[in-house]
Structures are given as C-alpha cells and as structure tokens.
Amino acid sequence: MAKSADSPTAPVLVIGLGRFGSSVAKSLVRLGHDVLAVDERPEIAQKFSGEFTHVVSADTTDTEALRQIGAEQFHRAVVGIGTDIEASVLTVLGLSDLGIKEIWAKAISGKHAAILQRVGATHVVRPESDMGKRVAHLVTGTMTDFIEFDDGFAIARTRTPQIACGHTLAESALRAKYGITVVGVKTYGEDFTYATPETSIRHSDELIVSGPTRKVEAFCALS
C-alpha cells in the first residue's frame, strides 16, 4: 500500500464488513484501490480473506488496536458499523485521534449521525434513509433519477415539462423562473449534451437539473 494519499487509487481502510461495508470495499477494489478490510468477528474476516488486499480481525474501538493494524497510515477510512452505535462512535473517535483526514461513517439515525460528526466523521451516510428518499421521488413518476446532498442541494433527471418544450433555455428562462439550472440534455438515441443558453428543448428530451432540493422537486413536478 505504497500509493500516496493524493493518488486517485490511494488505499482505503474499511471497518465493518456487513452488507454496507463489504459492498463499499468490493466497489473500491473494482476501482483499483488497495483495501485493508477490518471486522471484529474472526469468522467474517476469514470469509472475506480472498477478496481484499488485506483482511484482519480487530477491535477497532481500541485506539491501540487501530495503531497495530496501521490505521494512521491511511488518508481515507470508511466505518460501516451500523447497529452497534457505541462501537461505531468509538471507532470514528479513534480514527480521528490518529489523524485520519477523511472518515466516512454509516449512521442509522439522525442522532447517530450527529454524534459521529461531533467525534470526527467528515462524511456521514444514512443508506436506508437516503435510498428511501430517492425511491420516493422515483415512485412519483416525475423523476427518473434523484441525488440529494447534505446541504439541501439536489440533482435530478426528469422529463421535459410542457413549459420548456420548443424553446431554447435562454427563451424559457427556467433558472430565473424556477431557481434551477439545466445542466444537460439527453435526447433518446443521442449522446448526452451539456446545456447552453442556445440549447433547444424537445418534448422527448430528458433534462438533468440541479439546484436547491425544494426547487428541483417543484420543477420536476411540472413534468
């Protein structure tokens, strides 16, 4: 694991090999990263021993145990411990104490997320909650994809509303009227194109739009 922290494929420490943690670790390996995978349960560590660069069993709530596995050598760490909130919090705290720059941690509730942020997590994800919100938006039929960020910003893929059909983006003035930005346009059978003021929108087009979550939701509801 000699790659520098700035390398696009820098090694990553993944702690907790449940469904979330193991999925993240497998994806990192496919992207070319070396992964040190850690789980407190020896049988789980053994199960994944052939899938990741290094797999060890350790009690990551113990900062000394983190030192022994070389955790301080990593620039990025993912904590996939979910149901055991105490273990999750103590692990993040230990990683923070060791100076890990980027700590991604899974949370199972809003309070859990708040605690993780206070003890040093730089990014907190709530897989079930985030996926629930995304599916809810897709079920309504107004969007074909939806991503929301922590700061109330969202990106969505949606059908073209009638008010934009047959006009260029400059003519329809969607940003001024609805507070969203059309990032790109996908026409069936053609390549994705980045939007410009001169881009003309057709009824069959799909739009990639971004902006404050509420405004994106309101705009997509027009389609």
Protein backbone atom coordinates (compact mmCIF):
# COMPACT_ATOMS: atom_id res chain seq x y z
CA MET A 1 0.00 0.00 0.00
CA ALA A 2 2.66 2.47 -1.02
CA LYS A 3 0.49 4.78 -3.13
CA SER A 4 0.34 8.39 -1.95
CA ALA A 5 -2.77 9.81 -0.27
CA ASP A 6 -3.30 12.07 -3.29
CA SER A 7 -3.41 9.17 -5.75
CA PRO A 8 -6.82 8.54 -7.38
CA THR A 9 -6.42 4.92 -6.30
CA ALA A 10 -4.97 5.54 -2.83
CA PRO A 11 -5.51 2.71 -0.32
CA VAL A 12 -8.61 2.83 1.86
CA LEU A 13 -9.31 1.42 5.30
CA VAL A 14 -12.76 -0.18 5.57
CA ILE A 15 -14.02 -1.15 9.03
CA GLY A 16 -17.11 -3.30 9.47
CA LEU A 17 -17.85 -5.93 6.82
CA GLY A 18 -21.62 -6.12 6.97
CA ARG A 19 -23.67 -5.57 3.82
CA PHE A 20 -22.75 -1.88 3.59
CA GLY A 21 -19.06 -2.12 4.45
CA SER A 22 -18.37 -5.18 2.30
CA SER A 23 -20.20 -3.60 -0.65
CA VAL A 24 -18.11 -0.42 -0.35
CA ALA A 25 -14.91 -2.44 -0.07
CA LYS A 26 -15.73 -4.55 -3.15
CA SER A 27 -16.51 -1.43 -5.16
CA LEU A 28 -13.23 0.19 -4.08
CA VAL A 29 -11.31 -2.89 -5.23
CA ARG A 30 -13.05 -2.76 -8.62
CA LEU A 31 -11.98 0.89 -8.88
CA GLY A 32 -8.35 -0.10 -8.38
CA HIS A 33 -7.86 0.70 -4.68
CA ASP A 34 -5.95 -1.42 -2.23
CA VAL A 35 -8.24 -2.10 0.73
CA LEU A 36 -7.45 -3.02 4.30
CA ALA A 37 -10.72 -4.60 5.45
CA VAL A 38 -11.33 -4.98 9.17
CA ASP A 39 -14.03 -6.70 11.19
CA GLU A 40 -14.20 -7.57 14.86
CA ARG A 41 -15.62 -11.03 14.07
CA PRO A 42 -12.88 -13.52 13.07
CA GLU A 43 -15.30 -15.64 11.02
CA ILE A 44 -16.31 -12.62 8.92
CA ALA A 45 -12.68 -11.63 8.38
CA GLN A 46 -11.96 -15.18 7.26
CA LYS A 47 -14.95 -15.12 4.89
CA PHE A 48 -13.54 -12.13 3.00
CA SER A 49 -9.87 -13.08 3.22
CA GLY A 50 -9.59 -13.76 -0.50
CA GLU A 51 -11.50 -10.71 -1.73
CA PHE A 52 -9.50 -7.75 -0.42
CA THR A 53 -5.83 -6.77 -0.34
CA HIS A 54 -5.59 -7.35 3.41
CA VAL A 55 -8.24 -8.56 5.85
CA VAL A 56 -7.78 -8.57 9.62
CA SER A 57 -9.89 -9.13 12.70
CA ALA A 58 -9.52 -6.40 15.32
CA ASP A 59 -11.45 -4.49 17.97
CA THR A 60 -11.45 -1.06 16.36
CA THR A 61 -12.99 0.61 19.42
CA ASP A 62 -9.49 0.30 20.91
CA THR A 63 -7.20 3.04 19.57
CA GLU A 64 -4.14 0.91 20.30
CA ALA A 65 -5.61 -1.87 18.13
CA LEU A 66 -6.07 0.67 15.33
CA ARG A 67 -2.41 1.61 15.67
CA GLN A 68 -1.38 -2.03 15.49
CA ILE A 69 -3.13 -2.53 12.16
CA GLY A 70 -1.52 0.65 10.78
CA ALA A 71 -4.68 2.74 10.59
CA GLU A 72 -2.74 6.01 10.89
CA GLN A 73 -1.10 5.30 7.52
CA PHE A 74 -4.40 5.81 5.70
CA HIS A 75 -5.75 9.10 4.40
CA ARG A 76 -9.30 7.74 4.00
CA ALA A 77 -11.34 5.37 6.12
CA VAL A 78 -14.89 4.02 5.88
CA VAL A 79 -16.69 2.90 9.04
CA GLY A 80 -19.52 0.57 8.07
CA ILE A 81 -20.51 -0.37 11.63
CA GLY A 82 -24.21 0.33 11.97
CA THR A 83 -26.29 -1.35 14.65
CA ASP A 84 -23.64 -1.19 17.39
CA ILE A 85 -23.71 2.57 17.86
CA GLU A 86 -21.14 2.59 20.66
CA ALA A 87 -18.63 0.66 18.55
CA SER A 88 -19.32 2.95 15.61
CA VAL A 89 -18.74 6.12 17.64
CA LEU A 90 -15.63 4.84 19.41
CA THR A 91 -14.12 3.67 16.13
CA VAL A 92 -14.65 7.06 14.49
CA LEU A 93 -13.23 8.78 17.58
CA GLY A 94 -10.14 6.57 17.46
CA LEU A 95 -9.58 7.22 13.77
CA SER A 96 -9.97 10.95 14.37
CA ASP A 97 -7.45 10.81 17.22
CA LEU A 98 -5.00 9.10 14.86
CA GLY A 99 -5.30 11.98 12.40
CA ILE A 100 -7.21 10.27 9.58
CA LYS A 101 -8.13 13.13 7.22
CA GLU A 102 -11.30 11.68 5.65
CA ILE A 103 -13.62 9.50 7.70
CA TRP A 104 -16.78 8.23 6.06
CA ALA A 105 -19.20 6.67 8.52
CA LYS A 106 -22.55 4.91 8.29
CA ALA A 107 -25.34 6.14 10.59
CA ILE A 108 -28.67 4.51 11.34
CA SER A 109 -30.45 7.58 12.72
CA GLY A 110 -30.24 11.34 12.82
CA LYS A 111 -28.89 11.34 16.38
CA HIS A 112 -26.29 8.73 15.47
CA ALA A 113 -25.22 10.91 12.52
CA ALA A 114 -24.93 13.99 14.73
CA ILE A 115 -22.74 12.16 17.24
CA LEU A 116 -20.48 10.78 14.51
CA GLN A 117 -19.94 14.27 13.14
CA ARG A 118 -19.09 15.62 16.59
CA VAL A 119 -16.46 12.97 17.24
CA GLY A 120 -14.70 13.40 13.91
CA ALA A 121 -16.56 11.89 10.95
CA THR A 122 -16.05 14.13 7.93
CA HIS A 123 -18.82 12.44 5.91
CA VAL A 124 -21.88 10.65 7.30
CA VAL A 125 -24.14 8.49 5.16
CA ARG A 126 -27.53 7.01 6.02
CA PRO A 127 -28.04 4.34 3.33
CA GLU A 128 -31.58 3.32 4.25
CA SER A 129 -32.83 6.89 4.67
CA ASP A 130 -31.06 8.17 1.56
CA MET A 131 -32.36 5.31 -0.59
CA GLY A 132 -35.84 5.73 0.84
CA LYS A 133 -35.93 9.37 -0.21
CA ARG A 134 -34.61 8.53 -3.64
CA VAL A 135 -37.16 5.78 -4.24
CA ALA A 136 -39.98 8.04 -3.06
CA HIS A 137 -39.03 10.59 -5.71
CA LEU A 138 -38.84 7.94 -8.41
CA VAL A 139 -42.18 6.40 -7.43
CA THR A 140 -43.96 9.70 -8.09
CA GLY A 141 -43.02 9.32 -11.76
CA THR A 142 -41.75 12.89 -12.13
CA MET A 143 -38.07 11.88 -12.00
CA THR A 144 -36.01 9.06 -13.42
CA ASP A 145 -33.13 9.67 -11.03
CA PHE A 146 -32.51 11.82 -7.96
CA ILE A 147 -29.50 12.60 -5.77
CA GLU A 148 -29.68 14.86 -2.72
CA PHE A 149 -26.62 16.30 -0.96
CA ASP A 150 -26.25 17.18 2.72
CA ASP A 151 -26.53 20.94 2.19
CA GLY A 152 -30.02 20.92 0.69
CA PHE A 153 -28.76 20.72 -2.90
CA ALA A 154 -30.05 18.14 -5.40
CA ILE A 155 -29.54 16.85 -8.92
CA ALA A 156 -32.37 15.16 -10.80
CA ARG A 157 -33.10 13.61 -14.16
CA THR A 158 -36.61 14.44 -15.32
CA ARG A 159 -38.87 14.58 -18.34
CA THR A 160 -39.21 17.93 -20.09
CA PRO A 161 -42.15 19.95 -18.74
CA GLN A 162 -44.51 21.44 -21.31
CA ILE A 163 -43.48 24.99 -20.43
CA ALA A 164 -39.95 24.32 -21.76
CA CYS A 165 -40.83 22.48 -24.96
CA GLY A 166 -39.99 24.15 -28.25
CA HIS A 167 -37.84 26.85 -26.66
CA THR A 168 -34.17 27.43 -26.08
CA LEU A 169 -33.05 27.62 -22.46
CA ALA A 170 -32.50 31.35 -22.88
CA GLU A 171 -36.08 31.79 -24.10
CA SER A 172 -37.70 29.71 -21.38
CA ALA A 173 -35.60 31.35 -18.62
CA LEU A 174 -36.04 28.35 -16.33
CA ARG A 175 -33.32 29.47 -13.92
CA ALA A 176 -34.92 32.86 -13.37
CA LYS A 177 -38.45 31.47 -13.05
CA TYR A 178 -37.84 28.29 -11.07
CA GLY A 179 -34.42 28.71 -9.42
CA ILE A 180 -32.92 25.61 -11.06
CA THR A 181 -30.08 25.11 -13.53
CA VAL A 182 -30.37 22.79 -16.52
CA VAL A 183 -27.00 21.05 -16.56
CA GLY A 184 -27.54 18.85 -19.58
CA VAL A 185 -30.00 17.32 -22.04
CA LYS A 186 -30.42 13.67 -23.04
CA THR A 187 -32.27 13.06 -26.28
CA TYR A 188 -33.33 9.47 -26.95
CA GLY A 189 -30.80 7.70 -29.15
CA GLU A 190 -28.27 10.53 -28.91
CA ASP A 191 -25.32 11.32 -26.63
CA PHE A 192 -25.74 13.44 -23.52
CA THR A 193 -25.01 17.12 -24.20
CA TYR A 194 -24.14 19.88 -21.77
CA ALA A 195 -26.72 22.65 -21.80
CA THR A 196 -26.05 26.16 -23.13
CA PRO A 197 -28.41 29.14 -23.45
CA GLU A 198 -28.87 28.19 -27.12
CA THR A 199 -29.89 24.58 -26.35
CA SER A 200 -33.35 23.90 -27.74
CA ILE A 201 -35.58 21.56 -25.72
CA ARG A 202 -37.92 18.98 -27.24
CA HIS A 203 -40.81 17.15 -25.63
CA SER A 204 -38.98 13.81 -25.84
CA ASP A 205 -35.87 15.13 -24.08
CA GLU A 206 -34.82 14.35 -20.53
CA LEU A 207 -33.24 17.15 -18.52
CA ILE A 208 -30.51 16.98 -15.89
CA VAL A 209 -31.33 19.77 -13.46
CA SER A 210 -29.66 20.99 -10.26
CA GLY A 211 -30.45 23.45 -7.51
CA PRO A 212 -31.95 23.70 -4.01
CA THR A 213 -33.82 20.48 -3.26
CA ARG A 214 -37.27 22.07 -2.88
CA LYS A 215 -36.93 23.99 -6.13
CA VAL A 216 -35.73 20.91 -8.02
CA GLU A 217 -38.70 18.94 -6.66
CA ALA A 218 -41.13 21.70 -7.62
CA PHE A 219 -39.71 21.97 -11.15
CA CYS A 220 -39.79 18.20 -11.73
CA ALA A 221 -43.40 18.11 -10.58
CA LEU A 222 -44.28 20.21 -13.64
CA SER A 223 -43.38 17.38 -16.00
